[in-house]
Structures are given as C-alpha cells and as structure tokens.
Amino acid sequence: KDSCYCDRKSSHLVFLFKSPLTPAINYHCDLSKAS
C-alpha cells in the first residue's frame, strides 16, 4: 500500500513491484490510454 502513488486528478500511476526473488522495479502507467 506504500508502494503505489497516484493523484485523483491525474491519469498517471506509479507503483513499485518486488518479491523475495525479484528486486524492486518502479513502473509507470498512463490510465488515459486505451492500452
């Protein structure tokens, strides 16, 4: 819950993914796009 960042007025979402076998990776997603 502390690894996801967004703003209600923005279509941009940034989140961090990690697991015991995967180092942390920061992703960006534009929710305004069809894909």
PDB file of all heavy atoms in Angstrom:
ATOM      1  N   LYS A   1       0.818  -1.210   0.000  1.00  0.00           N
ATOM      2  CA  LYS A   1       0.000   0.000   0.000  1.00  0.00           C
ATOM      3  C   LYS A   1       0.855   1.265   0.000  1.00  0.00           C
ATOM      4  O   LYS A   1       0.398   2.322  -0.408  1.00  0.00           O
ATOM      5  CB  LYS A   1      -0.918  -0.002   1.218  1.00  0.00           C
ATOM      6  CG  LYS A   1      -0.173   0.044   2.556  1.00  0.00           C
ATOM      7  CD  LYS A   1      -1.157   0.060   3.710  1.00  0.00           C
ATOM      8  CE  LYS A   1      -0.431   0.146   5.052  1.00  0.00           C
ATOM      9  NZ  LYS A   1      -1.387   0.177   6.178  1.00  0.00           N
ATOM     10  N   ASP A   2       2.102   1.148   0.456  1.00  0.00           N
ATOM     11  CA  ASP A   2       3.001   2.300   0.479  1.00  0.00           C
ATOM     12  C   ASP A   2       3.859   2.378  -0.774  1.00  0.00           C
ATOM     13  O   ASP A   2       4.770   3.192  -0.864  1.00  0.00           O
ATOM     14  CB  ASP A   2       3.921   2.231   1.712  1.00  0.00           C
ATOM     15  CG  ASP A   2       3.135   2.301   3.011  1.00  0.00           C
ATOM     16  OD1 ASP A   2       2.110   2.999   3.013  1.00  0.00           O
ATOM     17  OD2 ASP A   2       3.541   1.664   3.986  1.00  0.00           O
ATOM     18  N   SER A   3       3.571   1.520  -1.747  1.00  0.00           N
ATOM     19  CA  SER A   3       4.399   1.459  -2.958  1.00  0.00           C
ATOM     20  C   SER A   3       3.633   1.873  -4.202  1.00  0.00           C
ATOM     21  O   SER A   3       4.065   1.641  -5.314  1.00  0.00           O
ATOM     22  CB  SER A   3       4.943   0.038  -3.144  1.00  0.00           C
ATOM     23  OG  SER A   3       5.675  -0.368  -2.017  1.00  0.00           O
ATOM     24  N   CYS A   4       2.456   2.484  -4.001  1.00  0.00           N
ATOM     25  CA  CYS A   4       1.628   2.901  -5.132  1.00  0.00           C
ATOM     26  C   CYS A   4       1.339   4.401  -4.989  1.00  0.00           C
ATOM     27  O   CYS A   4       0.900   4.865  -3.925  1.00  0.00           O
ATOM     28  CB  CYS A   4       0.321   2.115  -5.125  1.00  0.00           C
ATOM     29  SG  CYS A   4      -0.706   2.372  -6.578  1.00  0.00           S
ATOM     30  N   TYR A   5       1.610   5.157  -6.049  1.00  0.00           N
ATOM     31  CA  TYR A   5       1.494   6.609  -5.995  1.00  0.00           C
ATOM     32  C   TYR A   5       0.630   7.113  -7.154  1.00  0.00           C
ATOM     33  O   TYR A   5       0.872   6.756  -8.299  1.00  0.00           O
ATOM     34  CB  TYR A   5       2.881   7.258  -6.060  1.00  0.00           C
ATOM     35  CG  TYR A   5       3.858   6.677  -5.074  1.00  0.00           C
ATOM     36  CD1 TYR A   5       4.717   5.652  -5.450  1.00  0.00           C
ATOM     37  CD2 TYR A   5       3.908   7.137  -3.763  1.00  0.00           C
ATOM     38  CE1 TYR A   5       5.610   5.101  -4.534  1.00  0.00           C
ATOM     39  CE2 TYR A   5       4.799   6.591  -2.838  1.00  0.00           C
ATOM     40  CZ  TYR A   5       5.642   5.572  -3.237  1.00  0.00           C
ATOM     41  OH  TYR A   5       6.511   5.028  -2.346  1.00  0.00           O
ATOM     42  N   CYS A   6      -0.355   7.924  -6.819  1.00  0.00           N
ATOM     43  CA  CYS A   6      -1.222   8.482  -7.865  1.00  0.00           C
ATOM     44  C   CYS A   6      -1.964   9.698  -7.297  1.00  0.00           C
ATOM     45  O   CYS A   6      -1.946   9.946  -6.092  1.00  0.00           O
ATOM     46  CB  CYS A   6      -2.224   7.440  -8.376  1.00  0.00           C
ATOM     47  SG  CYS A   6      -3.278   6.745  -7.089  1.00  0.00           S
ATOM     48  N   ASP A   7      -2.622  10.411  -8.170  1.00  0.00           N
ATOM     49  CA  ASP A   7      -3.414  11.585  -7.798  1.00  0.00           C
ATOM     50  C   ASP A   7      -4.782  11.419  -8.433  1.00  0.00           C
ATOM     51  O   ASP A   7      -4.901  11.027  -9.600  1.00  0.00           O
ATOM     52  CB  ASP A   7      -2.723  12.856  -8.303  1.00  0.00           C
ATOM     53  CG  ASP A   7      -3.393  14.118  -7.776  1.00  0.00           C
ATOM     54  OD1 ASP A   7      -4.606  14.291  -8.054  1.00  0.00           O
ATOM     55  OD2 ASP A   7      -2.723  14.903  -7.099  1.00  0.00           O
ATOM     56  N   ARG A   8      -5.823  11.704  -7.664  1.00  0.00           N
ATOM     57  CA  ARG A   8      -7.183  11.527  -8.173  1.00  0.00           C
ATOM     58  C   ARG A   8      -7.437  12.317  -9.450  1.00  0.00           C
ATOM     59  O   ARG A   8      -8.238  11.932 -10.295  1.00  0.00           O
ATOM     60  CB  ARG A   8      -8.200  11.938  -7.110  1.00  0.00           C
ATOM     61  CG  ARG A   8      -8.235  11.012  -5.900  1.00  0.00           C
ATOM     62  CD  ARG A   8      -9.273  11.495  -4.886  1.00  0.00           C
ATOM     63  NE  ARG A   8      -9.319  10.639  -3.711  1.00  0.00           N
ATOM     64  CZ  ARG A   8     -10.062   9.537  -3.620  1.00  0.00           C
ATOM     65  NH1 ARG A   8     -10.828   9.186  -4.639  1.00  0.00           N
ATOM     66  NH2 ARG A   8     -10.044   8.821  -2.517  1.00  0.00           N
ATOM     67  N   LYS A   9      -6.755  13.452  -9.607  1.00  0.00           N
ATOM     68  CA  LYS A   9      -6.980  14.309 -10.767  1.00  0.00           C
ATOM     69  C   LYS A   9      -6.044  13.974 -11.929  1.00  0.00           C
ATOM     70  O   LYS A   9      -6.126  14.616 -12.978  1.00  0.00           O
ATOM     71  CB  LYS A   9      -6.796  15.772 -10.366  1.00  0.00           C
ATOM     72  CG  LYS A   9      -7.770  16.241  -9.293  1.00  0.00           C
ATOM     73  CD  LYS A   9      -7.525  17.698  -8.938  1.00  0.00           C
ATOM     74  CE  LYS A   9      -8.494  18.176  -7.867  1.00  0.00           C
ATOM     75  NZ  LYS A   9      -8.262  19.596  -7.498  1.00  0.00           N
ATOM     76  N   SER A  10      -5.190  12.997 -11.735  1.00  0.00           N
ATOM     77  CA  SER A  10      -4.217  12.647 -12.777  1.00  0.00           C
ATOM     78  C   SER A  10      -4.469  11.238 -13.298  1.00  0.00           C
ATOM     79  O   SER A  10      -4.996  10.376 -12.588  1.00  0.00           O
ATOM     80  CB  SER A  10      -2.788  12.749 -12.220  1.00  0.00           C
ATOM     81  OG  SER A  10      -1.854  12.264 -13.164  1.00  0.00           O
ATOM     82  N   SER A  11      -4.113  11.033 -14.541  1.00  0.00           N
ATOM     83  CA  SER A  11      -4.257   9.706 -15.139  1.00  0.00           C
ATOM     84  C   SER A  11      -2.984   8.874 -14.998  1.00  0.00           C
ATOM     85  O   SER A  11      -2.920   7.747 -15.471  1.00  0.00           O
ATOM     86  CB  SER A  11      -4.607   9.841 -16.628  1.00  0.00           C
ATOM     87  OG  SER A  11      -3.555  10.501 -17.323  1.00  0.00           O
ATOM     88  N   HIS A  12      -1.985   9.430 -14.357  1.00  0.00           N
ATOM     89  CA  HIS A  12      -0.695   8.743 -14.236  1.00  0.00           C
ATOM     90  C   HIS A  12      -0.605   7.966 -12.913  1.00  0.00           C
ATOM     91  O   HIS A  12      -0.965   8.470 -11.853  1.00  0.00           O
ATOM     92  CB  HIS A  12       0.457   9.743 -14.323  1.00  0.00           C
ATOM     93  CG  HIS A  12       0.531  10.440 -15.638  1.00  0.00           C
ATOM     94  ND1 HIS A  12       1.101   9.872 -16.750  1.00  0.00           N
ATOM     95  CD2 HIS A  12       0.067  11.661 -16.034  1.00  0.00           C
ATOM     96  CE1 HIS A  12       1.017  10.697 -17.771  1.00  0.00           C
ATOM     97  NE2 HIS A  12       0.388  11.798 -17.368  1.00  0.00           N
ATOM     98  N   LEU A  13      -0.135   6.739 -13.042  1.00  0.00           N
ATOM     99  CA  LEU A  13       0.015   5.862 -11.897  1.00  0.00           C
ATOM    100  C   LEU A  13       1.450   5.348 -11.846  1.00  0.00           C
ATOM    101  O   LEU A  13       1.997   4.904 -12.862  1.00  0.00           O
ATOM    102  CB  LEU A  13      -0.954   4.678 -12.003  1.00  0.00           C
ATOM    103  CG  LEU A  13      -0.774   3.537 -10.999  1.00  0.00           C
ATOM    104  CD1 LEU A  13      -1.141   4.017  -9.598  1.00  0.00           C
ATOM    105  CD2 LEU A  13      -1.634   2.335 -11.397  1.00  0.00           C
ATOM    106  N   VAL A  14       2.061   5.435 -10.683  1.00  0.00           N
ATOM    107  CA  VAL A  14       3.409   4.905 -10.476  1.00  0.00           C
ATOM    108  C   VAL A  14       3.355   3.905  -9.327  1.00  0.00           C
ATOM    109  O   VAL A  14       2.789   4.192  -8.270  1.00  0.00           O
ATOM    110  CB  VAL A  14       4.413   6.023 -10.139  1.00  0.00           C
ATOM    111  CG1 VAL A  14       5.788   5.429  -9.824  1.00  0.00           C
ATOM    112  CG2 VAL A  14       4.526   6.997 -11.306  1.00  0.00           C
ATOM    113  N   PHE A  15       3.910   2.720  -9.543  1.00  0.00           N
ATOM    114  CA  PHE A  15       3.924   1.731  -8.465  1.00  0.00           C
ATOM    115  C   PHE A  15       5.213   0.925  -8.497  1.00  0.00           C
ATOM    116  O   PHE A  15       5.907   0.851  -9.513  1.00  0.00           O
ATOM    117  CB  PHE A  15       2.712   0.801  -8.540  1.00  0.00           C
ATOM    118  CG  PHE A  15       2.666  -0.071  -9.770  1.00  0.00           C
ATOM    119  CD1 PHE A  15       3.231  -1.344  -9.754  1.00  0.00           C
ATOM    120  CD2 PHE A  15       2.051   0.371 -10.932  1.00  0.00           C
ATOM    121  CE1 PHE A  15       3.176  -2.154 -10.889  1.00  0.00           C
ATOM    122  CE2 PHE A  15       1.998  -0.430 -12.062  1.00  0.00           C
ATOM    123  CZ  PHE A  15       2.560  -1.693 -12.042  1.00  0.00           C
ATOM    124  N   LEU A  16       5.524   0.344  -7.365  1.00  0.00           N
ATOM    125  CA  LEU A  16       6.736  -0.456  -7.210  1.00  0.00           C
ATOM    126  C   LEU A  16       6.355  -1.911  -7.018  1.00  0.00           C
ATOM    127  O   LEU A  16       5.458  -2.228  -6.229  1.00  0.00           O
ATOM    128  CB  LEU A  16       7.546   0.049  -6.016  1.00  0.00           C
ATOM    129  CG  LEU A  16       8.849  -0.682  -5.668  1.00  0.00           C
ATOM    130  CD1 LEU A  16       9.861   0.330  -5.122  1.00  0.00           C
ATOM    131  CD2 LEU A  16       8.623  -1.780  -4.635  1.00  0.00           C
ATOM    132  N   PHE A  17       7.034  -2.788  -7.732  1.00  0.00           N
ATOM    133  CA  PHE A  17       6.800  -4.232  -7.601  1.00  0.00           C
ATOM    134  C   PHE A  17       8.067  -4.906  -7.109  1.00  0.00           C
ATOM    135  O   PHE A  17       9.158  -4.610  -7.587  1.00  0.00           O
ATOM    136  CB  PHE A  17       6.396  -4.851  -8.941  1.00  0.00           C
ATOM    137  CG  PHE A  17       6.303  -6.364  -8.893  1.00  0.00           C
ATOM    138  CD1 PHE A  17       5.163  -6.979  -8.443  1.00  0.00           C
ATOM    139  CD2 PHE A  17       7.389  -7.152  -9.275  1.00  0.00           C
ATOM    140  CE1 PHE A  17       5.083  -8.365  -8.378  1.00  0.00           C
ATOM    141  CE2 PHE A  17       7.321  -8.533  -9.219  1.00  0.00           C
ATOM    142  CZ  PHE A  17       6.162  -9.151  -8.771  1.00  0.00           C
ATOM    143  N   LYS A  18       7.923  -5.818  -6.137  1.00  0.00           N
ATOM    144  CA  LYS A  18       9.064  -6.601  -5.679  1.00  0.00           C
ATOM    145  C   LYS A  18       8.549  -7.905  -5.084  1.00  0.00           C
ATOM    146  O   LYS A  18       7.367  -8.036  -4.721  1.00  0.00           O
ATOM    147  CB  LYS A  18       9.874  -5.836  -4.634  1.00  0.00           C
ATOM    148  CG  LYS A  18       9.133  -5.546  -3.345  1.00  0.00           C
ATOM    149  CD  LYS A  18      10.024  -4.784  -2.367  1.00  0.00           C
ATOM    150  CE  LYS A  18       9.265  -4.463  -1.083  1.00  0.00           C
ATOM    151  NZ  LYS A  18      10.106  -3.731  -0.111  1.00  0.00           N
ATOM    152  N   SER A  19       9.426  -8.872  -5.001  1.00  0.00           N
ATOM    153  CA  SER A  19       9.117 -10.156  -4.377  1.00  0.00           C
ATOM    154  C   SER A  19      10.408 -10.691  -3.782  1.00  0.00           C
ATOM    155  O   SER A  19      11.483 -10.136  -4.008  1.00  0.00           O
ATOM    156  CB  SER A  19       8.547 -11.127  -5.426  1.00  0.00           C
ATOM    157  OG  SER A  19       9.598 -11.657  -6.233  1.00  0.00           O
ATOM    158  N   PRO A  20      10.347 -11.787  -3.007  1.00  0.00           N
ATOM    159  CA  PRO A  20      11.588 -12.338  -2.448  1.00  0.00           C
ATOM    160  C   PRO A  20      12.624 -12.712  -3.496  1.00  0.00           C
ATOM    161  O   PRO A  20      13.808 -12.790  -3.190  1.00  0.00           O
ATOM    162  CB  PRO A  20      11.090 -13.582  -1.696  1.00  0.00           C
ATOM    163  CG  PRO A  20       9.709 -13.229  -1.287  1.00  0.00           C
ATOM    164  CD  PRO A  20       9.160 -12.444  -2.446  1.00  0.00           C
ATOM    165  N   LEU A  21      12.188 -12.926  -4.736  1.00  0.00           N
ATOM    166  CA  LEU A  21      13.117 -13.311  -5.797  1.00  0.00           C
ATOM    167  C   LEU A  21      13.290 -12.232  -6.859  1.00  0.00           C
ATOM    168  O   LEU A  21      14.044 -12.409  -7.809  1.00  0.00           O
ATOM    169  CB  LEU A  21      12.647 -14.607  -6.474  1.00  0.00           C
ATOM    170  CG  LEU A  21      12.565 -15.839  -5.564  1.00  0.00           C
ATOM    171  CD1 LEU A  21      12.053 -17.037  -6.341  1.00  0.00           C
ATOM    172  CD2 LEU A  21      13.918 -16.144  -4.952  1.00  0.00           C
ATOM    173  N   THR A  22      12.594 -11.116  -6.704  1.00  0.00           N
ATOM    174  CA  THR A  22      12.656 -10.052  -7.701  1.00  0.00           C
ATOM    175  C   THR A  22      13.012  -8.725  -7.049  1.00  0.00           C
ATOM    176  O   THR A  22      12.301  -8.257  -6.160  1.00  0.00           O
ATOM    177  CB  THR A  22      11.286  -9.888  -8.412  1.00  0.00           C
ATOM    178  OG1 THR A  22      10.880 -11.138  -8.960  1.00  0.00           O
ATOM    179  CG2 THR A  22      11.392  -8.854  -9.528  1.00  0.00           C
ATOM    180  N   PRO A  23      14.124  -8.109  -7.461  1.00  0.00           N
ATOM    181  CA  PRO A  23      14.465  -6.779  -6.927  1.00  0.00           C
ATOM    182  C   PRO A  23      13.383  -5.771  -7.279  1.00  0.00           C
ATOM    183  O   PRO A  23      12.597  -5.973  -8.217  1.00  0.00           O
ATOM    184  CB  PRO A  23      15.787  -6.452  -7.636  1.00  0.00           C
ATOM    185  CG  PRO A  23      16.319  -7.763  -8.095  1.00  0.00           C
ATOM    186  CD  PRO A  23      15.115  -8.604  -8.408  1.00  0.00           C
ATOM    187  N   ALA A  24      13.337  -4.701  -6.532  1.00  0.00           N
ATOM    188  CA  ALA A  24      12.309  -3.684  -6.747  1.00  0.00           C
ATOM    189  C   ALA A  24      12.398  -3.061  -8.139  1.00  0.00           C
ATOM    190  O   ALA A  24      13.476  -2.708  -8.612  1.00  0.00           O
ATOM    191  CB  ALA A  24      12.439  -2.594  -5.686  1.00  0.00           C
ATOM    192  N   ILE A  25      11.228  -2.952  -8.808  1.00  0.00           N
ATOM    193  CA  ILE A  25      11.126  -2.323 -10.120  1.00  0.00           C
ATOM    194  C   ILE A  25      10.021  -1.273 -10.057  1.00  0.00           C
ATOM    195  O   ILE A  25       8.902  -1.565  -9.627  1.00  0.00           O
ATOM    196  CB  ILE A  25      10.786  -3.347 -11.231  1.00  0.00           C
ATOM    197  CG1 ILE A  25      11.827  -4.477 -11.254  1.00  0.00           C
ATOM    198  CG2 ILE A  25      10.714  -2.658 -12.588  1.00  0.00           C
ATOM    199  CD1 ILE A  25      11.479  -5.573 -12.250  1.00  0.00           C
ATOM    200  N   ASN A  26      10.319  -0.053 -10.452  1.00  0.00           N
ATOM    201  CA  ASN A  26       9.322   1.014 -10.490  1.00  0.00           C
ATOM    202  C   ASN A  26       8.692   1.096 -11.874  1.00  0.00           C
ATOM    203  O   ASN A  26       9.407   1.176 -12.878  1.00  0.00           O
ATOM    204  CB  ASN A  26       9.962   2.356 -10.145  1.00  0.00           C
ATOM    205  CG  ASN A  26      10.229   2.498  -8.654  1.00  0.00           C
ATOM    206  OD1 ASN A  26       9.301   2.416  -7.854  1.00  0.00           O
ATOM    207  ND2 ASN A  26      11.481   2.701  -8.298  1.00  0.00           N
ATOM    208  N   TYR A  27       7.351   1.058 -11.915  1.00  0.00           N
ATOM    209  CA  TYR A  27       6.604   1.118 -13.170  1.00  0.00           C
ATOM    210  C   TYR A  27       5.770   2.405 -13.237  1.00  0.00           C
ATOM    211  O   TYR A  27       5.334   2.938 -12.218  1.00  0.00           O
ATOM    212  CB  TYR A  27       5.652  -0.074 -13.293  1.00  0.00           C
ATOM    213  CG  TYR A  27       6.322  -1.401 -13.520  1.00  0.00           C
ATOM    214  CD1 TYR A  27       6.564  -2.269 -12.452  1.00  0.00           C
ATOM    215  CD2 TYR A  27       6.690  -1.811 -14.802  1.00  0.00           C
ATOM    216  CE1 TYR A  27       7.163  -3.496 -12.650  1.00  0.00           C
ATOM    217  CE2 TYR A  27       7.288  -3.034 -15.014  1.00  0.00           C
ATOM    218  CZ  TYR A  27       7.522  -3.877 -13.942  1.00  0.00           C
ATOM    219  OH  TYR A  27       8.118  -5.101 -14.144  1.00  0.00           O
ATOM    220  N   HIS A  28       5.534   2.846 -14.476  1.00  0.00           N
ATOM    221  CA  HIS A  28       4.641   3.979 -14.725  1.00  0.00           C
ATOM    222  C   HIS A  28       3.576   3.533 -15.717  1.00  0.00           C
ATOM    223  O   HIS A  28       3.850   2.789 -16.667  1.00  0.00           O
ATOM    224  CB  HIS A  28       5.414   5.162 -15.301  1.00  0.00           C
ATOM    225  CG  HIS A  28       4.524   6.220 -15.884  1.00  0.00           C
ATOM    226  ND1 HIS A  28       4.301   6.344 -17.247  1.00  0.00           N
ATOM    227  CD2 HIS A  28       3.766   7.184 -15.284  1.00  0.00           C
ATOM    228  CE1 HIS A  28       3.470   7.342 -17.462  1.00  0.00           C
ATOM    229  NE2 HIS A  28       3.139   7.874 -16.294  1.00  0.00           N
ATOM    230  N   CYS A  29       2.354   3.961 -15.477  1.00  0.00           N
ATOM    231  CA  CYS A  29       1.245   3.617 -16.371  1.00  0.00           C
ATOM    232  C   CYS A  29       0.364   4.852 -16.580  1.00  0.00           C
ATOM    233  O   CYS A  29       0.021   5.559 -15.624  1.00  0.00           O
ATOM    234  CB  CYS A  29       0.425   2.477 -15.764  1.00  0.00           C
ATOM    235  SG  CYS A  29      -1.008   1.993 -16.754  1.00  0.00           S
ATOM    236  N   ASP A  30       0.004   5.103 -17.836  1.00  0.00           N
ATOM    237  CA  ASP A  30      -0.899   6.210 -18.168  1.00  0.00           C
ATOM    238  C   ASP A  30      -2.289   5.632 -18.393  1.00  0.00           C
ATOM    239  O   ASP A  30      -2.564   4.993 -19.412  1.00  0.00           O
ATOM    240  CB  ASP A  30      -0.411   6.937 -19.423  1.00  0.00           C
ATOM    241  CG  ASP A  30      -1.219   8.202 -19.699  1.00  0.00           C
ATOM    242  OD1 ASP A  30      -2.276   8.382 -19.051  1.00  0.00           O
ATOM    243  OD2 ASP A  30      -0.788   8.995 -20.560  1.00  0.00           O
ATOM    244  N   LEU A  31      -3.190   5.853 -17.439  1.00  0.00           N
ATOM    245  CA  LEU A  31      -4.526   5.255 -17.482  1.00  0.00           C
ATOM    246  C   LEU A  31      -5.439   5.906 -18.509  1.00  0.00           C
ATOM    247  O   LEU A  31      -6.530   5.396 -18.790  1.00  0.00           O
ATOM    248  CB  LEU A  31      -5.174   5.353 -16.095  1.00  0.00           C
ATOM    249  CG  LEU A  31      -4.413   4.662 -14.952  1.00  0.00           C
ATOM    250  CD1 LEU A  31      -5.160   4.878 -13.637  1.00  0.00           C
ATOM    251  CD2 LEU A  31      -4.252   3.181 -15.227  1.00  0.00           C
ATOM    252  N   SER A  32      -5.021   7.017 -19.113  1.00  0.00           N
ATOM    253  CA  SER A  32      -5.850   7.690 -20.126  1.00  0.00           C
ATOM    254  C   SER A  32      -5.763   6.986 -21.480  1.00  0.00           C
ATOM    255  O   SER A  32      -6.589   7.223 -22.354  1.00  0.00           O
ATOM    256  CB  SER A  32      -5.429   9.153 -20.271  1.00  0.00           C
ATOM    257  OG  SER A  32      -4.106   9.246 -20.802  1.00  0.00           O
ATOM    258  N   LYS A  33      -4.776   6.126 -21.632  1.00  0.00           N
ATOM    259  CA  LYS A  33      -4.596   5.423 -22.896  1.00  0.00           C
ATOM    260  C   LYS A  33      -5.455   4.166 -22.947  1.00  0.00           C
ATOM    261  O   LYS A  33      -5.790   3.584 -21.922  1.00  0.00           O
ATOM    262  CB  LYS A  33      -3.121   5.054 -23.085  1.00  0.00           C
ATOM    263  CG  LYS A  33      -2.201   6.264 -23.218  1.00  0.00           C
ATOM    264  CD  LYS A  33      -0.764   5.826 -23.451  1.00  0.00           C
ATOM    265  CE  LYS A  33       0.151   7.032 -23.623  1.00  0.00           C
ATOM    266  NZ  LYS A  33       1.564   6.622 -23.839  1.00  0.00           N
ATOM    267  N   ALA A  34      -5.788   3.771 -24.138  1.00  0.00           N
ATOM    268  CA  ALA A  34      -6.645   2.594 -24.318  1.00  0.00           C
ATOM    269  C   ALA A  34      -5.971   1.327 -23.812  1.00  0.00           C
ATOM    270  O   ALA A  34      -6.609   0.443 -23.243  1.00  0.00           O
ATOM    271  CB  ALA A  34      -7.020   2.446 -25.796  1.00  0.00           C
ATOM    272  N   SER A  35      -4.671   1.232 -24.043  1.00  0.00           N
ATOM    273  CA  SER A  35      -3.920   0.061 -23.567  1.00  0.00           C
ATOM    274  C   SER A  35      -3.012   0.503 -22.412  1.00  0.00           C
ATOM    275  O   SER A  35      -2.318   1.509 -22.503  1.00  0.00           O
ATOM    276  CB  SER A  35      -3.077  -0.528 -24.690  1.00  0.00           C
ATOM    277  OG  SER A  35      -2.165   0.423 -25.195  1.00  0.00           O
TER     278      SER A  35
END
